[in-house]
């Protein structure tokens, strides 16, 4: 089980979606994203990879809702699988992203 699941995902400085792990859903979903309640729920008990995949999927829904992109579920699935694969095959990419964003934050504070 993922040890440090974020309890929220920020979309804007003052807008965030809560994240929780739940024991099940009415149907066979692995996650949900509700733009009205600003909540992401992920099915409890999945593998770490499946949990991460579901979280990425729901974050794509979050962006879709907040930006009115009208992305279909098929497109969301394609983006989920594609992003997960890119991140999996390029571990230094996440390090680069963190370094650039930290540098940006430090320069904003100066």
C-alpha atoms as a PDB file:
ATOM      1  CA  UNK A   1       0.000   0.000   0.000  1.00  0.00           C
ATOM      2  CA  UNK A   2       1.230   3.488  -0.811  1.00  0.00           C
ATOM      3  CA  UNK A   3       2.478   4.962   2.463  1.00  0.00           C
ATOM      4  CA  UNK A   4       2.252   8.687   1.711  1.00  0.00           C
ATOM      5  CA  UNK A   5      -0.881   9.204  -0.346  1.00  0.00           C
ATOM      6  CA  UNK A   6      -1.551  12.953  -0.526  1.00  0.00           C
ATOM      7  CA  UNK A   7      -4.611  14.040   1.418  1.00  0.00           C
ATOM      8  CA  UNK A   8      -5.275  16.757  -1.124  1.00  0.00           C
ATOM      9  CA  UNK A   9      -4.346  17.753  -4.661  1.00  0.00           C
ATOM     10  CA  UNK A  10      -4.046  21.483  -5.231  1.00  0.00           C
ATOM     11  CA  UNK A  11      -5.253  22.813  -8.537  1.00  0.00           C
ATOM     12  CA  UNK A  12      -4.809  26.492  -7.788  1.00  0.00           C
ATOM     13  CA  UNK A  13      -3.363  28.180  -4.697  1.00  0.00           C
ATOM     14  CA  UNK A  14      -6.815  28.364  -3.113  1.00  0.00           C
ATOM     15  CA  UNK A  15      -8.495  25.413  -4.795  1.00  0.00           C
ATOM     16  CA  UNK A  16      -7.849  21.812  -3.839  1.00  0.00           C
ATOM     17  CA  UNK A  17      -9.509  18.431  -4.056  1.00  0.00           C
ATOM     18  CA  UNK A  18      -9.456  16.171  -1.009  1.00  0.00           C
ATOM     19  CA  UNK A  19      -8.086  12.665  -1.561  1.00  0.00           C
ATOM     20  CA  UNK A  20      -9.254   9.635   0.387  1.00  0.00           C
ATOM     21  CA  UNK A  21      -8.903   5.897   0.169  1.00  0.00           C
ATOM     22  CA  UNK A  22     -12.225   4.052   0.381  1.00  0.00           C
ATOM     23  CA  UNK A  23     -13.066   0.404   0.821  1.00  0.00           C
ATOM     24  CA  UNK A  24     -15.260   0.110  -2.226  1.00  0.00           C
ATOM     25  CA  UNK A  25     -17.609   1.544  -4.756  1.00  0.00           C
ATOM     26  CA  UNK A  26     -21.061   0.576  -5.987  1.00  0.00           C
ATOM     27  CA  UNK A  27     -19.612  -0.600  -9.284  1.00  0.00           C
ATOM     28  CA  UNK A  28     -16.178  -1.654 -10.483  1.00  0.00           C
ATOM     29  CA  UNK A  29     -14.527   1.766 -10.436  1.00  0.00           C
ATOM     30  CA  UNK A  30     -11.022   2.222  -9.086  1.00  0.00           C
ATOM     31  CA  UNK A  31     -11.595   5.898  -8.347  1.00  0.00           C
ATOM     32  CA  UNK A  32     -13.896   8.871  -8.653  1.00  0.00           C
ATOM     33  CA  UNK A  33     -13.479  12.623  -8.942  1.00  0.00           C
ATOM     34  CA  UNK A  34     -16.386  14.823  -7.927  1.00  0.00           C
ATOM     35  CA  UNK A  35     -16.084  18.455  -9.066  1.00  0.00           C
ATOM     36  CA  UNK A  36     -19.054  19.506  -6.916  1.00  0.00           C
ATOM     37  CA  UNK A  37     -17.605  18.284  -3.613  1.00  0.00           C
ATOM     38  CA  UNK A  38     -13.957  18.669  -4.728  1.00  0.00           C
ATOM     39  CA  UNK A  39     -13.197  15.081  -3.704  1.00  0.00           C
ATOM     40  CA  UNK A  40     -11.116  12.304  -5.214  1.00  0.00           C
ATOM     41  CA  UNK A  41     -11.741   8.814  -3.878  1.00  0.00           C
ATOM     42  CA  UNK A  42      -9.463   5.878  -4.661  1.00  0.00           C
ATOM     43  CA  UNK A  43     -10.307   2.226  -4.061  1.00  0.00           C
ATOM     44  CA  UNK A  44      -8.448   0.791  -1.077  1.00  0.00           C
ATOM     45  CA  UNK A  45      -6.560  -2.486  -1.406  1.00  0.00           C
ATOM     46  CA  UNK A  46      -5.135  -2.184  -4.912  1.00  0.00           C
ATOM     47  CA  UNK A  47      -1.478  -2.607  -5.792  1.00  0.00           C
ATOM     48  CA  UNK A  48       0.731   0.481  -5.555  1.00  0.00           C
ATOM     49  CA  UNK A  49       0.865   0.724  -9.358  1.00  0.00           C
ATOM     50  CA  UNK A  50      -2.906   0.408  -9.717  1.00  0.00           C
ATOM     51  CA  UNK A  51      -3.415   3.016  -6.973  1.00  0.00           C
ATOM     52  CA  UNK A  52      -1.028   5.430  -8.676  1.00  0.00           C
ATOM     53  CA  UNK A  53      -2.682   4.803 -12.025  1.00  0.00           C
ATOM     54  CA  UNK A  54      -6.122   5.506 -10.532  1.00  0.00           C
ATOM     55  CA  UNK A  55      -4.843   8.701  -8.880  1.00  0.00           C
ATOM     56  CA  UNK A  56      -3.370   9.938 -12.175  1.00  0.00           C
ATOM     57  CA  UNK A  57      -6.662   9.089 -13.898  1.00  0.00           C
ATOM     58  CA  UNK A  58      -8.671  11.094 -11.371  1.00  0.00           C
ATOM     59  CA  UNK A  59      -6.238  14.035 -11.564  1.00  0.00           C
ATOM     60  CA  UNK A  60      -6.835  14.102 -15.318  1.00  0.00           C
ATOM     61  CA  UNK A  61     -10.577  14.243 -14.584  1.00  0.00           C
ATOM     62  CA  UNK A  62      -9.905  17.086 -12.111  1.00  0.00           C
ATOM     63  CA  UNK A  63      -8.086  19.110 -14.785  1.00  0.00           C
ATOM     64  CA  UNK A  64     -10.811  18.266 -17.291  1.00  0.00           C
ATOM     65  CA  UNK A  65     -13.538  19.535 -14.930  1.00  0.00           C
ATOM     66  CA  UNK A  66     -11.666  22.660 -13.848  1.00  0.00           C
ATOM     67  CA  UNK A  67     -10.685  23.694 -17.382  1.00  0.00           C
ATOM     68  CA  UNK A  68     -13.870  22.550 -19.175  1.00  0.00           C
ATOM     69  CA  UNK A  69     -11.824  20.518 -21.660  1.00  0.00           C
ATOM     70  CA  UNK A  70     -14.553  18.000 -22.509  1.00  0.00           C
ATOM     71  CA  UNK A  71     -12.078  15.097 -22.548  1.00  0.00           C
ATOM     72  CA  UNK A  72     -13.799  11.757 -23.076  1.00  0.00           C
ATOM     73  CA  UNK A  73     -13.291   8.769 -20.794  1.00  0.00           C
ATOM     74  CA  UNK A  74     -11.362   7.063 -23.606  1.00  0.00           C
ATOM     75  CA  UNK A  75      -9.031  10.063 -23.855  1.00  0.00           C
ATOM     76  CA  UNK A  76      -8.659  10.122 -20.068  1.00  0.00           C
ATOM     77  CA  UNK A  77      -7.651   6.451 -20.102  1.00  0.00           C
ATOM     78  CA  UNK A  78      -5.144   7.105 -22.888  1.00  0.00           C
ATOM     79  CA  UNK A  79      -3.595  10.012 -20.988  1.00  0.00           C
ATOM     80  CA  UNK A  80      -3.498   7.977 -17.764  1.00  0.00           C
ATOM     81  CA  UNK A  81      -1.677   5.051 -19.375  1.00  0.00           C
ATOM     82  CA  UNK A  82       0.582   7.298 -21.429  1.00  0.00           C
ATOM     83  CA  UNK A  83       1.647   9.492 -18.507  1.00  0.00           C
ATOM     84  CA  UNK A  84       2.246   6.515 -16.250  1.00  0.00           C
ATOM     85  CA  UNK A  85       4.413   4.873 -18.921  1.00  0.00           C
ATOM     86  CA  UNK A  86       6.416   8.064 -19.573  1.00  0.00           C
ATOM     87  CA  UNK A  87       7.038   8.519 -15.836  1.00  0.00           C
ATOM     88  CA  UNK A  88       7.925   4.849 -15.428  1.00  0.00           C
ATOM     89  CA  UNK A  89      10.447   4.890 -18.282  1.00  0.00           C
ATOM     90  CA  UNK A  90      11.958   8.273 -17.361  1.00  0.00           C
ATOM     91  CA  UNK A  91      12.562   8.346 -13.588  1.00  0.00           C
ATOM     92  CA  UNK A  92      14.851  11.384 -13.870  1.00  0.00           C
ATOM     93  CA  UNK A  93      11.976  13.391 -15.326  1.00  0.00           C
ATOM     94  CA  UNK A  94      10.276  13.686 -11.933  1.00  0.00           C
ATOM     95  CA  UNK A  95      13.558  14.788 -10.367  1.00  0.00           C
ATOM     96  CA  UNK A  96      13.944  17.456 -13.059  1.00  0.00           C
ATOM     97  CA  UNK A  97      10.399  18.699 -12.510  1.00  0.00           C
ATOM     98  CA  UNK A  98      10.976  18.938  -8.749  1.00  0.00           C
ATOM     99  CA  UNK A  99      14.280  20.773  -9.202  1.00  0.00           C
ATOM    100  CA  UNK A 100      12.811  23.309 -11.628  1.00  0.00           C
ATOM    101  CA  UNK A 101       9.767  23.968  -9.452  1.00  0.00           C
ATOM    102  CA  UNK A 102      11.857  24.305  -6.278  1.00  0.00           C
ATOM    103  CA  UNK A 103      14.168  26.733  -8.075  1.00  0.00           C
ATOM    104  CA  UNK A 104      11.122  28.732  -9.195  1.00  0.00           C
ATOM    105  CA  UNK A 105       9.763  28.847  -5.629  1.00  0.00           C
ATOM    106  CA  UNK A 106      13.121  30.035  -4.273  1.00  0.00           C
ATOM    107  CA  UNK A 107      13.303  32.804  -6.881  1.00  0.00           C
ATOM    108  CA  UNK A 108       9.752  33.936  -6.028  1.00  0.00           C
ATOM    109  CA  UNK A 109      10.789  34.323  -2.401  1.00  0.00           C
ATOM    110  CA  UNK A 110      13.747  36.543  -3.271  1.00  0.00           C
END
